[in-house]
N, C-alpha and C. Protein backbone atom coordinates (compact mmCIF):
# COMPACT_ATOMS: atom_id res chain seq x y z
N MET A 1 34.81 -13.87 -37.44
CA MET A 1 36.16 -13.36 -37.44
C MET A 1 36.42 -12.56 -38.71
N ASN A 2 37.18 -11.51 -38.59
CA ASN A 2 37.50 -10.68 -39.74
C ASN A 2 38.42 -11.38 -40.73
N ASN A 3 39.15 -12.40 -40.28
CA ASN A 3 40.09 -13.03 -41.19
C ASN A 3 39.39 -13.71 -42.35
N GLN A 4 38.09 -13.99 -42.26
CA GLN A 4 37.37 -14.60 -43.37
C GLN A 4 37.28 -13.64 -44.55
N ARG A 5 37.34 -12.35 -44.32
CA ARG A 5 37.23 -11.38 -45.40
C ARG A 5 38.55 -11.18 -46.14
N ASN A 6 39.65 -11.56 -45.50
CA ASN A 6 40.96 -11.41 -46.13
C ASN A 6 41.27 -12.61 -46.98
N THR A 7 41.80 -12.35 -48.14
CA THR A 7 42.26 -13.42 -49.00
C THR A 7 43.70 -13.75 -48.62
N VAL A 8 43.99 -15.02 -48.45
CA VAL A 8 45.35 -15.45 -48.16
C VAL A 8 45.98 -15.84 -49.49
N ILE A 9 47.04 -15.10 -49.88
CA ILE A 9 47.71 -15.35 -51.15
C ILE A 9 49.14 -15.79 -50.85
N LEU A 10 49.49 -16.97 -51.35
CA LEU A 10 50.84 -17.50 -51.14
C LEU A 10 51.48 -17.85 -52.47
N SER A 11 52.80 -17.69 -52.51
CA SER A 11 53.54 -18.13 -53.70
C SER A 11 53.62 -19.66 -53.68
N GLU A 12 53.84 -20.23 -54.84
CA GLU A 12 53.98 -21.68 -54.94
C GLU A 12 55.07 -22.19 -54.00
N ASP A 13 56.22 -21.50 -53.98
CA ASP A 13 57.34 -21.94 -53.15
C ASP A 13 56.99 -21.91 -51.66
N ASP A 14 56.41 -20.79 -51.20
CA ASP A 14 56.04 -20.69 -49.78
C ASP A 14 54.98 -21.72 -49.43
N PHE A 15 53.98 -21.88 -50.29
CA PHE A 15 52.92 -22.84 -50.01
C PHE A 15 53.50 -24.25 -49.89
N ARG A 16 54.33 -24.63 -50.83
CA ARG A 16 54.93 -25.97 -50.82
C ARG A 16 55.74 -26.20 -49.54
N MET A 17 56.56 -25.23 -49.17
CA MET A 17 57.39 -25.35 -47.98
C MET A 17 56.54 -25.42 -46.71
N LEU A 18 55.55 -24.55 -46.61
CA LEU A 18 54.70 -24.52 -45.41
C LEU A 18 53.82 -25.76 -45.32
N LYS A 19 53.29 -26.21 -46.44
CA LYS A 19 52.45 -27.40 -46.45
C LYS A 19 53.25 -28.63 -46.01
N GLN A 20 54.46 -28.75 -46.54
CA GLN A 20 55.33 -29.86 -46.16
C GLN A 20 55.65 -29.81 -44.67
N PHE A 21 55.92 -28.63 -44.18
CA PHE A 21 56.22 -28.46 -42.75
C PHE A 21 54.99 -28.80 -41.92
N ALA A 22 53.83 -28.32 -42.33
CA ALA A 22 52.59 -28.57 -41.58
C ALA A 22 52.27 -30.06 -41.53
N GLU A 23 52.61 -30.80 -42.56
CA GLU A 23 52.36 -32.24 -42.57
C GLU A 23 53.22 -32.96 -41.54
N HIS A 24 54.44 -32.47 -41.29
CA HIS A 24 55.33 -33.08 -40.31
C HIS A 24 54.99 -32.66 -38.89
N PHE A 25 54.36 -31.51 -38.74
CA PHE A 25 53.97 -30.99 -37.43
C PHE A 25 52.50 -30.61 -37.47
N PRO A 26 51.63 -31.62 -37.55
CA PRO A 26 50.20 -31.33 -37.71
C PRO A 26 49.64 -30.54 -36.53
N SER A 27 48.70 -29.67 -36.88
CA SER A 27 47.98 -28.92 -35.85
C SER A 27 46.50 -28.98 -36.20
N SER A 28 45.72 -28.41 -35.37
CA SER A 28 44.29 -28.41 -35.57
C SER A 28 43.92 -27.67 -36.85
N PRO A 29 42.96 -28.20 -37.63
CA PRO A 29 42.52 -27.48 -38.84
C PRO A 29 41.50 -26.39 -38.51
N ASN A 30 41.37 -26.05 -37.24
CA ASN A 30 40.42 -25.01 -36.82
C ASN A 30 40.90 -23.64 -37.27
N GLU A 31 39.98 -22.68 -37.22
CA GLU A 31 40.34 -21.30 -37.54
C GLU A 31 41.50 -20.85 -36.67
N MET A 32 42.23 -19.89 -37.15
CA MET A 32 43.35 -19.29 -36.45
C MET A 32 44.51 -20.24 -36.23
N THR A 33 44.77 -21.09 -37.23
CA THR A 33 45.98 -21.91 -37.24
C THR A 33 46.60 -21.81 -38.62
N LEU A 34 47.87 -22.11 -38.71
CA LEU A 34 48.53 -22.10 -40.01
C LEU A 34 47.89 -23.11 -40.95
N SER A 35 47.54 -24.29 -40.44
CA SER A 35 46.90 -25.31 -41.29
C SER A 35 45.62 -24.79 -41.91
N TYR A 36 44.83 -24.08 -41.14
CA TYR A 36 43.57 -23.51 -41.64
C TYR A 36 43.86 -22.50 -42.76
N GLU A 37 44.85 -21.64 -42.53
CA GLU A 37 45.18 -20.63 -43.53
C GLU A 37 45.69 -21.27 -44.81
N LEU A 38 46.48 -22.33 -44.70
CA LEU A 38 46.99 -23.03 -45.88
C LEU A 38 45.85 -23.66 -46.68
N ASN A 39 44.87 -24.20 -45.98
CA ASN A 39 43.74 -24.85 -46.65
C ASN A 39 42.87 -23.87 -47.43
N ARG A 40 42.87 -22.60 -47.05
CA ARG A 40 42.03 -21.64 -47.75
C ARG A 40 42.84 -20.67 -48.63
N ALA A 41 44.14 -20.91 -48.73
CA ALA A 41 45.02 -20.01 -49.48
C ALA A 41 44.80 -20.12 -50.99
N ILE A 42 45.01 -19.00 -51.65
CA ILE A 42 45.08 -18.95 -53.11
C ILE A 42 46.57 -19.00 -53.44
N VAL A 43 46.96 -20.00 -54.20
CA VAL A 43 48.37 -20.18 -54.54
C VAL A 43 48.61 -19.64 -55.94
N VAL A 44 49.62 -18.78 -56.05
CA VAL A 44 49.94 -18.16 -57.33
C VAL A 44 51.39 -18.46 -57.69
N GLU A 45 51.71 -18.32 -58.97
CA GLU A 45 53.10 -18.49 -59.39
C GLU A 45 53.95 -17.47 -58.65
N ASN A 46 55.20 -17.83 -58.40
CA ASN A 46 56.09 -16.98 -57.60
C ASN A 46 56.16 -15.55 -58.11
N ASP A 47 56.21 -15.37 -59.43
CA ASP A 47 56.32 -14.02 -59.98
C ASP A 47 54.99 -13.28 -60.04
N GLN A 48 53.91 -13.94 -59.66
CA GLN A 48 52.59 -13.31 -59.64
C GLN A 48 52.16 -12.84 -58.25
N LEU A 49 52.98 -13.13 -57.24
CA LEU A 49 52.66 -12.73 -55.87
C LEU A 49 52.74 -11.21 -55.74
N PRO A 50 51.70 -10.57 -55.22
CA PRO A 50 51.76 -9.10 -55.05
C PRO A 50 52.97 -8.70 -54.20
N GLU A 51 53.63 -7.61 -54.57
CA GLU A 51 54.83 -7.16 -53.87
C GLU A 51 54.59 -6.87 -52.40
N ASP A 52 53.38 -6.43 -52.06
CA ASP A 52 53.10 -6.05 -50.67
C ASP A 52 52.44 -7.18 -49.88
N SER A 53 52.65 -8.41 -50.34
CA SER A 53 52.09 -9.58 -49.69
C SER A 53 53.06 -10.13 -48.65
N VAL A 54 52.54 -10.50 -47.49
CA VAL A 54 53.37 -11.07 -46.43
C VAL A 54 53.69 -12.52 -46.78
N ARG A 55 54.97 -12.82 -46.88
CA ARG A 55 55.42 -14.17 -47.19
C ARG A 55 56.56 -14.52 -46.25
N LEU A 56 57.10 -15.70 -46.40
CA LEU A 56 58.27 -16.06 -45.61
C LEU A 56 59.39 -15.07 -45.91
N ASN A 57 60.10 -14.69 -44.88
CA ASN A 57 61.21 -13.73 -44.94
C ASN A 57 60.76 -12.31 -45.23
N SER A 58 59.48 -12.01 -45.01
CA SER A 58 59.00 -10.63 -45.14
C SER A 58 59.29 -9.87 -43.85
N GLN A 59 59.76 -8.63 -44.02
CA GLN A 59 59.87 -7.70 -42.90
C GLN A 59 58.52 -7.00 -42.84
N VAL A 60 57.81 -7.13 -41.72
CA VAL A 60 56.44 -6.64 -41.61
C VAL A 60 56.33 -5.63 -40.48
N ARG A 61 55.62 -4.54 -40.74
CA ARG A 61 55.31 -3.57 -39.68
C ARG A 61 53.79 -3.57 -39.53
N VAL A 62 53.33 -3.80 -38.30
CA VAL A 62 51.90 -3.86 -38.01
C VAL A 62 51.57 -2.92 -36.86
N ARG A 63 50.28 -2.60 -36.78
CA ARG A 63 49.79 -1.79 -35.66
C ARG A 63 48.65 -2.52 -35.00
N GLU A 64 48.73 -2.66 -33.67
CA GLU A 64 47.60 -3.20 -32.93
C GLU A 64 46.59 -2.06 -32.81
N LEU A 65 45.38 -2.27 -33.31
CA LEU A 65 44.41 -1.18 -33.42
C LEU A 65 43.92 -0.66 -32.07
N ALA A 66 43.77 -1.52 -31.08
CA ALA A 66 43.25 -1.08 -29.78
C ALA A 66 44.22 -0.15 -29.05
N THR A 67 45.52 -0.39 -29.20
CA THR A 67 46.52 0.38 -28.46
C THR A 67 47.33 1.33 -29.35
N ASN A 68 47.21 1.18 -30.66
CA ASN A 68 47.99 1.95 -31.63
C ASN A 68 49.48 1.61 -31.57
N LYS A 69 49.84 0.53 -30.88
CA LYS A 69 51.24 0.11 -30.75
C LYS A 69 51.69 -0.52 -32.06
N GLU A 70 52.85 -0.08 -32.55
CA GLU A 70 53.42 -0.64 -33.77
C GLU A 70 54.52 -1.62 -33.43
N MET A 71 54.61 -2.67 -34.24
CA MET A 71 55.64 -3.69 -34.08
C MET A 71 56.23 -3.99 -35.45
N GLU A 72 57.50 -4.36 -35.46
CA GLU A 72 58.15 -4.72 -36.70
C GLU A 72 58.95 -5.99 -36.49
N PHE A 73 58.86 -6.93 -37.43
CA PHE A 73 59.56 -8.20 -37.32
C PHE A 73 59.61 -8.86 -38.68
N CYS A 74 60.39 -9.94 -38.76
CA CYS A 74 60.51 -10.74 -39.97
C CYS A 74 59.85 -12.10 -39.69
N ILE A 75 59.07 -12.61 -40.64
CA ILE A 75 58.41 -13.90 -40.48
C ILE A 75 59.27 -14.96 -41.15
N VAL A 76 59.68 -15.97 -40.36
CA VAL A 76 60.62 -16.98 -40.84
C VAL A 76 60.13 -18.38 -40.48
N MET A 77 60.81 -19.39 -41.03
CA MET A 77 60.56 -20.77 -40.64
C MET A 77 61.02 -20.93 -39.19
N PRO A 78 60.44 -21.89 -38.47
CA PRO A 78 60.75 -22.04 -37.04
C PRO A 78 62.24 -22.16 -36.71
N SER A 79 63.01 -22.84 -37.53
CA SER A 79 64.44 -23.03 -37.25
C SER A 79 65.24 -21.72 -37.28
N LEU A 80 64.68 -20.68 -37.92
CA LEU A 80 65.37 -19.40 -38.04
C LEU A 80 64.86 -18.35 -37.05
N ALA A 81 63.85 -18.70 -36.27
CA ALA A 81 63.26 -17.74 -35.34
C ALA A 81 64.27 -17.31 -34.28
N ASP A 82 64.29 -16.02 -33.99
CA ASP A 82 65.17 -15.45 -32.98
C ASP A 82 64.57 -14.11 -32.56
N ILE A 83 63.91 -14.11 -31.42
CA ILE A 83 63.19 -12.91 -30.97
C ILE A 83 64.14 -11.72 -30.79
N LYS A 84 65.41 -11.96 -30.40
CA LYS A 84 66.37 -10.87 -30.23
C LYS A 84 66.65 -10.17 -31.55
N GLN A 85 66.56 -10.91 -32.65
CA GLN A 85 66.77 -10.33 -33.98
C GLN A 85 65.44 -9.96 -34.64
N LYS A 86 64.35 -10.01 -33.88
CA LYS A 86 63.00 -9.70 -34.37
C LYS A 86 62.60 -10.61 -35.52
N LYS A 87 62.94 -11.89 -35.40
CA LYS A 87 62.54 -12.92 -36.36
C LYS A 87 61.57 -13.85 -35.66
N ILE A 88 60.30 -13.87 -36.13
CA ILE A 88 59.30 -14.72 -35.50
C ILE A 88 58.91 -15.87 -36.43
N SER A 89 58.62 -16.99 -35.82
CA SER A 89 58.23 -18.18 -36.57
C SER A 89 56.86 -18.00 -37.19
N VAL A 90 56.69 -18.57 -38.37
CA VAL A 90 55.39 -18.59 -39.04
C VAL A 90 54.40 -19.41 -38.23
N LEU A 91 54.87 -20.22 -37.29
CA LEU A 91 53.97 -21.02 -36.45
C LEU A 91 53.44 -20.27 -35.24
N THR A 92 54.00 -19.10 -34.92
CA THR A 92 53.47 -18.32 -33.81
C THR A 92 52.10 -17.76 -34.20
N PRO A 93 51.29 -17.40 -33.22
CA PRO A 93 49.99 -16.81 -33.57
C PRO A 93 50.12 -15.60 -34.51
N MET A 94 51.11 -14.73 -34.26
CA MET A 94 51.28 -13.55 -35.11
C MET A 94 51.72 -13.94 -36.51
N GLY A 95 52.67 -14.85 -36.62
CA GLY A 95 53.15 -15.29 -37.93
C GLY A 95 52.05 -15.95 -38.75
N ALA A 96 51.31 -16.85 -38.12
CA ALA A 96 50.21 -17.53 -38.83
C ALA A 96 49.11 -16.55 -39.22
N ALA A 97 48.86 -15.55 -38.39
CA ALA A 97 47.82 -14.57 -38.68
C ALA A 97 48.15 -13.74 -39.91
N LEU A 98 49.41 -13.39 -40.07
CA LEU A 98 49.80 -12.43 -41.10
C LEU A 98 50.20 -13.05 -42.43
N ILE A 99 50.63 -14.30 -42.44
CA ILE A 99 51.13 -14.90 -43.68
C ILE A 99 50.05 -14.85 -44.77
N GLY A 100 50.42 -14.35 -45.92
CA GLY A 100 49.48 -14.27 -47.05
C GLY A 100 48.63 -13.02 -47.11
N LEU A 101 48.72 -12.14 -46.11
CA LEU A 101 47.96 -10.88 -46.16
C LEU A 101 48.75 -9.83 -46.93
N CYS A 102 48.10 -8.70 -47.23
CA CYS A 102 48.74 -7.61 -47.95
C CYS A 102 48.69 -6.33 -47.13
N LYS A 103 49.56 -5.41 -47.48
CA LYS A 103 49.59 -4.10 -46.85
C LYS A 103 48.19 -3.49 -46.87
N GLY A 104 47.79 -2.90 -45.74
CA GLY A 104 46.49 -2.24 -45.63
C GLY A 104 45.39 -3.13 -45.08
N GLU A 105 45.61 -4.45 -45.05
CA GLU A 105 44.58 -5.35 -44.54
C GLU A 105 44.63 -5.40 -43.01
N THR A 106 43.48 -5.69 -42.42
CA THR A 106 43.41 -5.89 -40.98
C THR A 106 42.97 -7.32 -40.70
N ILE A 107 43.35 -7.78 -39.51
CA ILE A 107 43.00 -9.14 -39.11
C ILE A 107 42.77 -9.18 -37.61
N GLU A 108 41.81 -9.99 -37.22
CA GLU A 108 41.55 -10.23 -35.81
C GLU A 108 41.98 -11.67 -35.54
N TRP A 109 42.79 -11.86 -34.50
CA TRP A 109 43.41 -13.16 -34.26
C TRP A 109 43.57 -13.39 -32.76
N LYS A 110 43.44 -14.63 -32.38
CA LYS A 110 43.60 -14.99 -30.96
C LYS A 110 45.09 -15.07 -30.63
N MET A 111 45.51 -14.23 -29.71
CA MET A 111 46.89 -14.21 -29.22
C MET A 111 46.89 -14.75 -27.79
N PRO A 112 48.06 -15.02 -27.24
CA PRO A 112 48.10 -15.48 -25.84
C PRO A 112 47.39 -14.54 -24.87
N ALA A 113 47.38 -13.24 -25.17
CA ALA A 113 46.72 -12.27 -24.30
C ALA A 113 45.26 -12.01 -24.70
N GLY A 114 44.69 -12.84 -25.57
CA GLY A 114 43.30 -12.67 -25.99
C GLY A 114 43.20 -12.22 -27.44
N MET A 115 41.98 -11.90 -27.86
CA MET A 115 41.75 -11.46 -29.24
C MET A 115 42.37 -10.08 -29.47
N LYS A 116 43.10 -9.96 -30.56
CA LYS A 116 43.74 -8.70 -30.93
C LYS A 116 43.45 -8.42 -32.39
N LYS A 117 43.38 -7.15 -32.73
CA LYS A 117 43.15 -6.75 -34.12
C LYS A 117 44.36 -5.94 -34.59
N PHE A 118 44.88 -6.32 -35.77
CA PHE A 118 46.08 -5.71 -36.31
C PHE A 118 45.84 -5.20 -37.73
N GLU A 119 46.59 -4.17 -38.09
CA GLU A 119 46.61 -3.67 -39.46
C GLU A 119 48.03 -3.83 -39.99
N VAL A 120 48.16 -4.32 -41.22
CA VAL A 120 49.46 -4.45 -41.87
C VAL A 120 49.80 -3.08 -42.45
N LEU A 121 50.86 -2.45 -41.92
CA LEU A 121 51.25 -1.11 -42.36
C LEU A 121 52.28 -1.12 -43.48
N GLU A 122 53.20 -2.09 -43.43
CA GLU A 122 54.28 -2.11 -44.41
C GLU A 122 54.80 -3.53 -44.55
N VAL A 123 55.18 -3.90 -45.76
CA VAL A 123 55.73 -5.22 -46.04
C VAL A 123 56.92 -5.03 -46.97
N ASN A 124 58.07 -5.56 -46.57
CA ASN A 124 59.26 -5.54 -47.41
C ASN A 124 59.83 -6.95 -47.50
N GLN A 125 60.24 -7.34 -48.68
CA GLN A 125 60.82 -8.66 -48.86
C GLN A 125 62.31 -8.60 -48.55
N MET A 126 62.74 -9.51 -47.69
CA MET A 126 64.15 -9.56 -47.32
C MET A 126 64.89 -10.49 -48.27
N ALA A 127 66.12 -10.19 -48.54
CA ALA A 127 66.96 -11.06 -49.38
C ALA A 127 67.22 -12.34 -48.62
N MET A 128 67.16 -13.48 -49.34
CA MET A 128 67.37 -14.75 -48.68
C MET A 128 68.78 -15.25 -48.87
C-alpha cells in the first residue's frame, strides 16, 4: 500500500483526543484503520505541526486520481459529522485515510467502492 510511504503527523492535542476516542470504540489494528494510523503516527507539539497537515477540523480538497474528481470536506469528530454540511467523521474510510497527511501527498485506501487513490490538493485549518 502507498500509505506506508506517507508519514502520519499529528499534533499532541489531536493525537490525545483521537487515541482516547479509539480506546472507547476499538477497531481492528489492521492497515487502513484509524487505530493503525494512530499507532504509526509521529506526534509533534501543537505549534510544530506543519500548516498544510490534515488534522481535526481541517477543510480538505482532494482529487481521486483515477477519475480526476475533486471533493472538498471538513474532517471532524463523529459527533460533529454532517454530510449536508460536508463534515465527515475521522472514523470514515476517507477521514482515517487523510488524517495526518500533508498537501501534495497521495494515498491508496480501501473505500466502500473498492481501492481508491487520492491526492491531497489543499488543506486549510478551520476556526474551532
